[in-house]
N, C-alpha and C. Protein backbone atom coordinates (compact mmCIF):
# COMPACT_ATOMS: atom_id res chain seq x y z
N MET A 1 0.84 -1.18 0.01
CA MET A 1 0.00 0.00 0.01
C MET A 1 0.89 1.25 0.01
N SER A 2 0.57 2.14 -0.83
CA SER A 2 1.42 3.40 -0.94
C SER A 2 1.15 4.29 0.29
N THR A 3 2.15 5.10 0.55
CA THR A 3 2.07 6.07 1.71
C THR A 3 0.85 7.01 1.50
N ALA A 4 0.66 7.43 0.26
CA ALA A 4 -0.45 8.36 -0.01
C ALA A 4 -1.78 7.66 0.32
N THR A 5 -1.91 6.38 -0.07
CA THR A 5 -3.15 5.71 0.24
C THR A 5 -3.34 5.52 1.73
N THR A 6 -2.27 5.18 2.44
CA THR A 6 -2.33 5.03 3.90
C THR A 6 -2.67 6.35 4.54
N GLU A 7 -2.06 7.43 4.09
CA GLU A 7 -2.33 8.74 4.65
C GLU A 7 -3.77 9.15 4.36
N ALA A 8 -4.29 8.88 3.18
CA ALA A 8 -5.68 9.20 2.85
C ALA A 8 -6.63 8.42 3.75
N LYS A 9 -6.31 7.14 3.98
CA LYS A 9 -7.18 6.34 4.87
C LYS A 9 -7.11 6.83 6.32
N TYR A 10 -5.94 7.21 6.73
CA TYR A 10 -5.83 7.77 8.09
C TYR A 10 -6.63 9.06 8.22
N ASN A 11 -6.60 9.92 7.23
CA ASN A 11 -7.37 11.16 7.24
C ASN A 11 -8.84 10.82 7.28
N LEU A 12 -9.28 9.79 6.53
CA LEU A 12 -10.68 9.34 6.59
C LEU A 12 -11.06 8.84 8.00
N LEU A 13 -10.11 8.17 8.62
CA LEU A 13 -10.32 7.67 9.99
C LEU A 13 -10.58 8.85 10.94
N ILE A 14 -9.71 9.88 10.85
CA ILE A 14 -9.86 11.05 11.73
C ILE A 14 -11.21 11.71 11.48
N ASP A 15 -11.62 11.84 10.25
CA ASP A 15 -12.95 12.42 9.91
C ASP A 15 -14.08 11.55 10.50
N ASN A 16 -13.92 10.21 10.38
CA ASN A 16 -14.91 9.29 10.86
C ASN A 16 -15.03 9.42 12.38
N LEU A 17 -13.92 9.50 13.04
CA LEU A 17 -13.96 9.63 14.51
C LEU A 17 -14.64 10.94 14.95
N LYS A 18 -14.46 11.99 14.22
CA LYS A 18 -15.11 13.29 14.49
C LYS A 18 -16.62 13.16 14.36
N GLU A 19 -17.06 12.34 13.41
CA GLU A 19 -18.47 12.13 13.17
C GLU A 19 -19.09 11.26 14.30
N LEU A 20 -18.33 10.35 14.85
CA LEU A 20 -18.81 9.42 15.87
C LEU A 20 -18.83 9.98 17.27
N GLU A 21 -18.07 11.06 17.56
CA GLU A 21 -17.96 11.54 18.93
C GLU A 21 -19.27 12.05 19.49
N PRO A 22 -19.44 11.95 20.78
CA PRO A 22 -18.59 11.31 21.79
C PRO A 22 -18.72 9.78 21.68
N PHE A 23 -17.66 9.06 22.02
CA PHE A 23 -17.74 7.63 21.95
C PHE A 23 -16.88 6.97 23.04
N VAL A 24 -17.05 5.63 23.14
CA VAL A 24 -16.27 4.84 24.05
C VAL A 24 -15.51 3.83 23.24
N ILE A 25 -14.20 3.71 23.47
CA ILE A 25 -13.36 2.77 22.78
C ILE A 25 -13.16 1.55 23.66
N ALA A 26 -13.41 0.41 23.09
CA ALA A 26 -13.07 -0.87 23.80
C ALA A 26 -11.55 -1.01 23.71
N PHE A 27 -10.87 -0.86 24.81
CA PHE A 27 -9.42 -0.77 24.84
C PHE A 27 -8.79 -1.99 25.52
N SER A 28 -8.17 -2.82 24.70
CA SER A 28 -7.51 -4.03 25.24
C SER A 28 -6.03 -3.78 25.55
N GLY A 29 -5.49 -2.70 24.95
CA GLY A 29 -4.05 -2.46 25.09
C GLY A 29 -3.27 -3.10 24.00
N GLY A 30 -3.96 -3.74 23.03
CA GLY A 30 -3.29 -4.32 21.90
C GLY A 30 -2.97 -3.26 20.83
N VAL A 31 -2.34 -3.68 19.77
CA VAL A 31 -1.89 -2.73 18.75
C VAL A 31 -3.07 -1.96 18.14
N ASP A 32 -4.16 -2.64 17.82
CA ASP A 32 -5.28 -1.99 17.13
C ASP A 32 -6.02 -1.00 18.01
N SER A 33 -6.38 -1.38 19.21
CA SER A 33 -7.09 -0.45 20.07
C SER A 33 -6.20 0.69 20.54
N THR A 34 -4.91 0.45 20.64
CA THR A 34 -3.98 1.50 21.00
C THR A 34 -3.82 2.53 19.86
N PHE A 35 -3.72 2.00 18.64
CA PHE A 35 -3.66 2.86 17.46
C PHE A 35 -4.93 3.70 17.32
N LEU A 36 -6.06 3.11 17.55
CA LEU A 36 -7.39 3.75 17.45
C LEU A 36 -7.45 4.88 18.54
N THR A 37 -6.97 4.59 19.69
CA THR A 37 -6.98 5.56 20.82
C THR A 37 -6.03 6.74 20.46
N ALA A 38 -4.89 6.44 19.93
CA ALA A 38 -3.95 7.50 19.53
C ALA A 38 -4.56 8.42 18.44
N ALA A 39 -5.27 7.76 17.52
CA ALA A 39 -5.92 8.54 16.43
C ALA A 39 -7.06 9.41 17.05
N ALA A 40 -7.77 8.91 18.00
CA ALA A 40 -8.84 9.69 18.66
C ALA A 40 -8.25 10.91 19.40
N LYS A 41 -7.11 10.68 20.05
CA LYS A 41 -6.42 11.78 20.70
C LYS A 41 -5.99 12.81 19.69
N GLU A 42 -5.40 12.36 18.56
CA GLU A 42 -4.96 13.31 17.54
C GLU A 42 -6.15 14.04 16.94
N ALA A 43 -7.29 13.38 16.82
CA ALA A 43 -8.48 14.01 16.25
C ALA A 43 -9.06 15.06 17.19
N GLY A 44 -8.68 15.00 18.44
CA GLY A 44 -9.18 15.96 19.40
C GLY A 44 -10.64 15.78 19.78
N VAL A 45 -11.14 14.54 19.69
CA VAL A 45 -12.53 14.25 19.95
C VAL A 45 -12.75 13.82 21.39
N GLU A 46 -14.00 13.89 21.82
CA GLU A 46 -14.40 13.48 23.16
C GLU A 46 -14.59 11.97 23.18
N PHE A 47 -13.76 11.27 24.00
CA PHE A 47 -13.90 9.81 24.09
C PHE A 47 -13.43 9.38 25.46
N GLU A 48 -13.77 8.16 25.76
CA GLU A 48 -13.27 7.49 26.93
C GLU A 48 -12.97 6.03 26.50
N ALA A 49 -11.91 5.47 27.03
CA ALA A 49 -11.58 4.12 26.76
C ALA A 49 -11.99 3.22 27.91
N VAL A 50 -12.43 2.01 27.60
CA VAL A 50 -12.85 1.08 28.62
C VAL A 50 -12.17 -0.26 28.37
N THR A 51 -11.65 -0.83 29.46
CA THR A 51 -11.04 -2.14 29.43
C THR A 51 -11.86 -3.07 30.34
N VAL A 52 -12.22 -4.22 29.80
CA VAL A 52 -12.98 -5.19 30.62
C VAL A 52 -12.06 -6.35 30.88
N ASN A 53 -11.77 -6.56 32.16
CA ASN A 53 -10.90 -7.67 32.57
C ASN A 53 -11.73 -8.86 32.97
N SER A 54 -11.21 -10.03 32.73
CA SER A 54 -11.90 -11.29 33.10
C SER A 54 -10.87 -12.23 33.69
N PRO A 55 -11.31 -13.38 34.20
CA PRO A 55 -10.37 -14.35 34.70
C PRO A 55 -9.39 -14.85 33.63
N PHE A 56 -9.73 -14.65 32.36
CA PHE A 56 -8.88 -15.09 31.27
C PHE A 56 -7.73 -14.09 30.93
N VAL A 57 -7.79 -12.91 31.56
CA VAL A 57 -6.76 -11.86 31.28
C VAL A 57 -5.68 -11.95 32.32
N PRO A 58 -4.44 -12.20 31.91
CA PRO A 58 -3.33 -12.28 32.88
C PRO A 58 -3.04 -10.90 33.52
N ASP A 59 -2.55 -10.94 34.76
CA ASP A 59 -2.20 -9.73 35.49
C ASP A 59 -1.23 -8.84 34.69
N ARG A 60 -0.26 -9.45 34.01
CA ARG A 60 0.71 -8.65 33.26
C ARG A 60 0.03 -7.82 32.15
N GLU A 61 -1.00 -8.35 31.55
CA GLU A 61 -1.72 -7.60 30.52
C GLU A 61 -2.49 -6.42 31.12
N ILE A 62 -3.02 -6.63 32.35
CA ILE A 62 -3.69 -5.53 33.03
C ILE A 62 -2.69 -4.43 33.35
N LYS A 63 -1.51 -4.79 33.77
CA LYS A 63 -0.47 -3.84 34.07
C LYS A 63 -0.01 -3.09 32.81
N GLU A 64 0.05 -3.81 31.69
CA GLU A 64 0.45 -3.19 30.42
C GLU A 64 -0.56 -2.12 30.01
N VAL A 65 -1.86 -2.46 30.21
CA VAL A 65 -2.92 -1.48 29.90
C VAL A 65 -2.76 -0.27 30.80
N GLU A 66 -2.54 -0.45 32.10
CA GLU A 66 -2.37 0.66 33.01
C GLU A 66 -1.17 1.50 32.62
N ASN A 67 -0.08 0.92 32.18
CA ASN A 67 1.11 1.66 31.75
C ASN A 67 0.78 2.45 30.48
N LEU A 68 0.11 1.86 29.54
CA LEU A 68 -0.29 2.59 28.32
C LEU A 68 -1.18 3.79 28.63
N VAL A 69 -2.12 3.60 29.51
CA VAL A 69 -3.03 4.69 29.84
C VAL A 69 -2.22 5.85 30.47
N ARG A 70 -1.34 5.54 31.34
CA ARG A 70 -0.47 6.55 31.95
C ARG A 70 0.37 7.27 30.91
N SER A 71 1.04 6.49 30.05
CA SER A 71 1.95 7.13 29.05
C SER A 71 1.19 7.91 27.99
N MET A 72 0.01 7.47 27.59
CA MET A 72 -0.73 8.12 26.55
C MET A 72 -1.68 9.21 27.13
N ASP A 73 -1.99 9.11 28.37
CA ASP A 73 -2.81 10.15 29.10
C ASP A 73 -4.18 10.34 28.47
N PHE A 74 -5.07 9.39 28.71
CA PHE A 74 -6.45 9.52 28.26
C PHE A 74 -7.39 8.99 29.35
N LYS A 75 -8.64 9.41 29.25
CA LYS A 75 -9.65 8.97 30.23
C LYS A 75 -9.93 7.49 30.01
N HIS A 76 -9.91 6.72 31.10
CA HIS A 76 -9.99 5.29 31.06
C HIS A 76 -10.71 4.70 32.23
N GLN A 77 -11.46 3.66 31.97
CA GLN A 77 -12.18 2.96 33.00
C GLN A 77 -11.90 1.46 32.89
N GLN A 78 -11.57 0.83 33.95
CA GLN A 78 -11.44 -0.64 33.96
C GLN A 78 -12.64 -1.26 34.63
N MET A 79 -13.15 -2.35 34.08
CA MET A 79 -14.26 -3.13 34.64
C MET A 79 -13.85 -4.54 34.68
N SER A 80 -14.57 -5.30 35.45
CA SER A 80 -14.31 -6.75 35.49
C SER A 80 -15.58 -7.53 35.23
N ILE A 81 -15.41 -8.72 34.70
CA ILE A 81 -16.51 -9.66 34.58
C ILE A 81 -16.06 -10.95 35.26
N GLU A 82 -17.02 -11.63 35.82
CA GLU A 82 -16.73 -12.88 36.55
C GLU A 82 -16.89 -14.06 35.64
N LEU A 83 -16.29 -15.14 36.05
CA LEU A 83 -16.30 -16.37 35.27
C LEU A 83 -17.72 -16.84 34.98
N GLN A 84 -18.64 -16.72 35.95
CA GLN A 84 -20.00 -17.19 35.70
C GLN A 84 -20.70 -16.39 34.60
N GLU A 85 -20.25 -15.14 34.36
CA GLU A 85 -20.81 -14.34 33.26
C GLU A 85 -20.33 -14.85 31.92
N LEU A 86 -19.23 -15.61 31.95
CA LEU A 86 -18.61 -16.13 30.70
C LEU A 86 -18.82 -17.65 30.57
N LYS A 87 -19.89 -18.17 31.19
CA LYS A 87 -20.08 -19.63 31.18
C LYS A 87 -20.06 -20.22 29.81
N LYS A 88 -20.79 -19.63 28.85
CA LYS A 88 -20.82 -20.18 27.50
C LYS A 88 -19.46 -20.11 26.83
N ALA A 89 -18.71 -19.07 27.14
CA ALA A 89 -17.34 -18.98 26.59
C ALA A 89 -16.44 -20.03 27.23
N ALA A 90 -16.59 -20.22 28.52
CA ALA A 90 -15.78 -21.19 29.23
C ALA A 90 -16.05 -22.59 28.83
N ASP A 91 -17.19 -22.85 28.23
CA ASP A 91 -17.49 -24.21 27.77
C ASP A 91 -16.63 -24.60 26.58
N ASN A 92 -15.92 -23.62 26.00
CA ASN A 92 -14.88 -23.84 24.99
C ASN A 92 -15.45 -24.51 23.70
N THR A 93 -16.66 -24.03 23.30
CA THR A 93 -17.18 -24.50 22.00
C THR A 93 -16.62 -23.64 20.89
N ALA A 94 -17.00 -23.98 19.66
CA ALA A 94 -16.51 -23.20 18.53
C ALA A 94 -16.99 -21.74 18.55
N GLU A 95 -18.10 -21.53 19.27
CA GLU A 95 -18.68 -20.21 19.37
C GLU A 95 -18.26 -19.43 20.65
N ARG A 96 -17.23 -19.88 21.32
CA ARG A 96 -16.80 -19.23 22.58
C ARG A 96 -16.44 -17.78 22.40
N CYS A 97 -15.81 -17.42 21.26
CA CYS A 97 -15.43 -16.04 21.04
C CYS A 97 -16.67 -15.17 20.84
N TYR A 98 -17.69 -15.74 20.24
CA TYR A 98 -18.94 -15.02 20.07
C TYR A 98 -19.53 -14.67 21.46
N TYR A 99 -19.63 -15.66 22.34
CA TYR A 99 -20.23 -15.45 23.65
C TYR A 99 -19.40 -14.49 24.51
N CYS A 100 -18.08 -14.63 24.46
CA CYS A 100 -17.17 -13.79 25.18
C CYS A 100 -17.33 -12.33 24.76
N LYS A 101 -17.25 -12.08 23.44
CA LYS A 101 -17.43 -10.72 22.90
C LYS A 101 -18.76 -10.13 23.30
N LYS A 102 -19.81 -10.95 23.23
CA LYS A 102 -21.15 -10.49 23.54
C LYS A 102 -21.21 -10.01 25.00
N VAL A 103 -20.70 -10.79 25.91
CA VAL A 103 -20.70 -10.41 27.33
C VAL A 103 -19.88 -9.14 27.57
N ILE A 104 -18.67 -9.11 27.03
CA ILE A 104 -17.80 -7.97 27.21
C ILE A 104 -18.42 -6.69 26.63
N PHE A 105 -18.91 -6.76 25.38
CA PHE A 105 -19.46 -5.55 24.80
C PHE A 105 -20.81 -5.15 25.35
N ASP A 106 -21.57 -6.07 25.85
CA ASP A 106 -22.81 -5.70 26.56
C ASP A 106 -22.43 -4.86 27.78
N LYS A 107 -21.41 -5.23 28.46
CA LYS A 107 -20.93 -4.49 29.65
C LYS A 107 -20.49 -3.08 29.25
N ILE A 108 -19.74 -2.99 28.14
CA ILE A 108 -19.26 -1.68 27.65
C ILE A 108 -20.44 -0.79 27.20
N ILE A 109 -21.38 -1.42 26.49
CA ILE A 109 -22.55 -0.65 26.02
C ILE A 109 -23.31 -0.11 27.22
N ASN A 110 -23.50 -0.90 28.25
CA ASN A 110 -24.22 -0.42 29.46
C ASN A 110 -23.46 0.74 30.09
N TYR A 111 -22.15 0.67 30.15
CA TYR A 111 -21.32 1.72 30.69
C TYR A 111 -21.41 2.97 29.83
N ALA A 112 -21.42 2.79 28.47
CA ALA A 112 -21.40 3.91 27.55
C ALA A 112 -22.68 4.77 27.65
N ASN A 113 -23.73 4.23 28.15
CA ASN A 113 -24.94 5.01 28.41
C ASN A 113 -25.42 5.81 27.18
N GLY A 114 -25.52 5.13 26.08
CA GLY A 114 -26.02 5.78 24.86
C GLY A 114 -24.97 6.28 23.90
N LYS A 115 -23.71 6.44 24.38
CA LYS A 115 -22.65 6.84 23.47
C LYS A 115 -22.31 5.69 22.52
N THR A 116 -21.80 6.01 21.34
CA THR A 116 -21.35 4.99 20.40
C THR A 116 -20.17 4.24 21.00
N VAL A 117 -20.15 2.93 20.76
CA VAL A 117 -19.01 2.12 21.20
C VAL A 117 -18.26 1.67 19.94
N ILE A 118 -16.93 1.86 19.99
CA ILE A 118 -16.08 1.51 18.84
C ILE A 118 -14.98 0.53 19.29
N GLU A 119 -14.42 -0.15 18.31
CA GLU A 119 -13.36 -1.09 18.63
C GLU A 119 -12.40 -1.17 17.47
N GLY A 120 -11.31 -1.90 17.65
CA GLY A 120 -10.16 -1.77 16.74
C GLY A 120 -10.01 -2.84 15.66
N SER A 121 -11.02 -3.56 15.28
CA SER A 121 -10.89 -4.50 14.17
C SER A 121 -10.45 -3.78 12.93
N ASN A 122 -9.61 -4.38 12.11
CA ASN A 122 -9.13 -3.75 10.90
C ASN A 122 -9.35 -4.74 9.77
N LEU A 123 -8.96 -4.32 8.54
CA LEU A 123 -9.23 -5.11 7.33
C LEU A 123 -8.55 -6.49 7.40
N ASP A 124 -7.41 -6.58 8.05
CA ASP A 124 -6.75 -7.88 8.16
C ASP A 124 -7.54 -8.91 8.95
N ASP A 125 -8.46 -8.44 9.78
CA ASP A 125 -9.30 -9.29 10.62
C ASP A 125 -10.42 -9.97 9.86
N THR A 126 -10.66 -9.58 8.60
CA THR A 126 -11.80 -10.12 7.92
C THR A 126 -11.54 -11.41 7.19
N GLY A 127 -10.29 -11.79 7.08
CA GLY A 127 -9.95 -13.00 6.31
C GLY A 127 -10.05 -14.28 7.15
N ASP A 128 -10.12 -14.14 8.45
CA ASP A 128 -10.15 -15.31 9.36
C ASP A 128 -11.58 -15.58 9.79
N TYR A 129 -11.78 -16.79 10.36
CA TYR A 129 -13.02 -17.11 10.98
C TYR A 129 -13.03 -16.41 12.34
N ARG A 130 -13.93 -15.46 12.49
CA ARG A 130 -14.01 -14.68 13.72
C ARG A 130 -15.44 -14.59 14.19
N PRO A 131 -15.86 -15.53 15.00
CA PRO A 131 -17.27 -15.51 15.47
C PRO A 131 -17.57 -14.28 16.35
N GLY A 132 -16.52 -13.72 16.94
CA GLY A 132 -16.73 -12.52 17.74
C GLY A 132 -17.23 -11.30 16.89
N ARG A 133 -16.87 -11.29 15.62
CA ARG A 133 -17.35 -10.20 14.75
C ARG A 133 -18.86 -10.21 14.62
N LYS A 134 -19.46 -11.43 14.66
CA LYS A 134 -20.93 -11.55 14.60
C LYS A 134 -21.56 -10.85 15.81
N ALA A 135 -20.99 -11.04 16.97
CA ALA A 135 -21.49 -10.36 18.19
C ALA A 135 -21.39 -8.89 18.03
N LEU A 136 -20.27 -8.39 17.53
CA LEU A 136 -20.09 -6.94 17.34
C LEU A 136 -21.11 -6.33 16.42
N LYS A 137 -21.40 -7.08 15.31
CA LYS A 137 -22.41 -6.60 14.37
C LYS A 137 -23.81 -6.57 15.03
N GLU A 138 -24.14 -7.62 15.71
CA GLU A 138 -25.45 -7.72 16.41
C GLU A 138 -25.66 -6.58 17.37
N LEU A 139 -24.58 -6.20 18.06
CA LEU A 139 -24.65 -5.17 19.08
C LEU A 139 -24.50 -3.75 18.55
N GLY A 140 -24.21 -3.61 17.26
CA GLY A 140 -24.06 -2.29 16.67
C GLY A 140 -22.74 -1.62 16.99
N ILE A 141 -21.72 -2.37 17.27
CA ILE A 141 -20.42 -1.82 17.61
C ILE A 141 -19.75 -1.35 16.30
N LYS A 142 -19.21 -0.17 16.33
CA LYS A 142 -18.51 0.38 15.12
C LYS A 142 -17.05 -0.02 15.13
N SER A 143 -16.53 -0.22 13.93
CA SER A 143 -15.13 -0.59 13.69
C SER A 143 -14.52 0.39 12.70
N PRO A 144 -14.11 1.57 13.18
CA PRO A 144 -13.63 2.62 12.23
C PRO A 144 -12.39 2.22 11.42
N LEU A 145 -11.49 1.44 11.97
CA LEU A 145 -10.31 1.00 11.16
C LEU A 145 -10.75 0.16 10.00
N LEU A 146 -11.69 -0.71 10.25
CA LEU A 146 -12.24 -1.61 9.20
C LEU A 146 -13.01 -0.75 8.19
N LYS A 147 -13.77 0.24 8.64
CA LYS A 147 -14.58 1.06 7.73
C LYS A 147 -13.68 1.78 6.73
N VAL A 148 -12.55 2.27 7.13
CA VAL A 148 -11.64 2.97 6.19
C VAL A 148 -10.64 2.05 5.55
N GLU A 149 -10.78 0.76 5.80
CA GLU A 149 -9.94 -0.31 5.22
C GLU A 149 -8.49 -0.20 5.55
N LEU A 150 -8.18 0.21 6.80
CA LEU A 150 -6.81 0.16 7.28
C LEU A 150 -6.42 -1.27 7.69
N THR A 151 -5.16 -1.59 7.46
CA THR A 151 -4.65 -2.87 7.86
C THR A 151 -3.55 -2.66 8.91
N LYS A 152 -2.98 -3.76 9.37
CA LYS A 152 -1.86 -3.63 10.36
C LYS A 152 -0.56 -3.13 9.70
N LYS A 153 -0.46 -3.25 8.39
CA LYS A 153 0.79 -2.89 7.70
C LYS A 153 0.99 -1.39 7.59
């Protein structure tokens, strides 16, 4: 992908974020949600990031999220879900990612209190079998990186 194309897509992302504000970002601390958060900061929009921790999230990842929040300096809320809330995901069926995403994003939607909820899926995520994407679509979660066809590259 050429730099001009990447730059044009990034500019579209910034415009898209301005249209969506105020919003809540599902923030895992991974590359995609961190990039999306940095873009939101650059866009100067009103947003808050939310991280949902579960028994499946190691303590070191929680610490990494806390370090990112401190270094990037943005409004952030951490929440937890209990194992019993993830029963269908814990059953380890082929649809476990669907159930897990549904529980996590239901919690974020409730917290968002009517604000748009966005997350960091990108174009590279569309080539794999991702049952969690189905939950995101059902819940009306926006994926701005995917919308402007940005990839990890």
